Amino acid sequence: MVGLFTASDGVARCGWCAASSDYIAYHDREWGFPVVDDRRLFEKLSLEGFQSGLSWRTILTKRENFRAAFLGFDFDRVADFGEGDVERLLQDAGIVRHRGKIEAVINNARRAQELVREKGSLAAYIWGFEPEDGGPHLASTSPASVAMSKDLKKRGWKFVGPTTVHAFMQAMGLINDHAAGCAIRSAAERARADFTAPKG
């Protein structure tokens, strides 16, 4: 985690969000706050996969386009996508046109359906990997992200390496990686304390 920066409003925040106003809004309102909604969880896993090799800013600026292209990341609908949909998406200039990543989202939608049948919800599966102590973290990975990545891969998911999964866990509030001194850290921690994780 990069150190702190102080924006024009005088508020100290995590250093990584200094790149743009979009980053600040995302940092303040979303990053690190617990999420239980299956669609949002699937969306974030999918977008983290698209981010592989790119910056999150690239993906964030295209997020609405991704949502339109993948039907709001309704994995029950995306699971029905076929080769024609892949070709259509490869022509969509509003998203990242990478065949492997597009096909991974479709594949992962089908795997998400399997997890829902087994666990009751995608959230119940994902929150089963929440570390009890919030860590430890090893730069861009954590023992929890390594474990979840390994299990997802065993279940047939694609583009879910431990770094991708760690970024997902940070964003979805499974861990609070707001820097010490960040003004949002305490708000994220309160949200986590008030949150009851679903059970699978």
Foldseek 3Di string as FASTA:
>chain_A
DAPWDADPVRAIFHPVQPPDPLSVVLRQPFFQFADQDQLVLLLLLLLLLLCVVHDVVLSSVLVVVVCVLQVSSQLVVLLPDDPVSLVVQLPDPSGPNDSVSSVLSNQVSVLQVVVCVVWVHPQQVLLVLQDPVLADADVQATPSLQVVLVVVVVSPHPSRHRSSSSSSCRRNNSHPPIDVRHPNSVVSVVSVVPDDGDHD
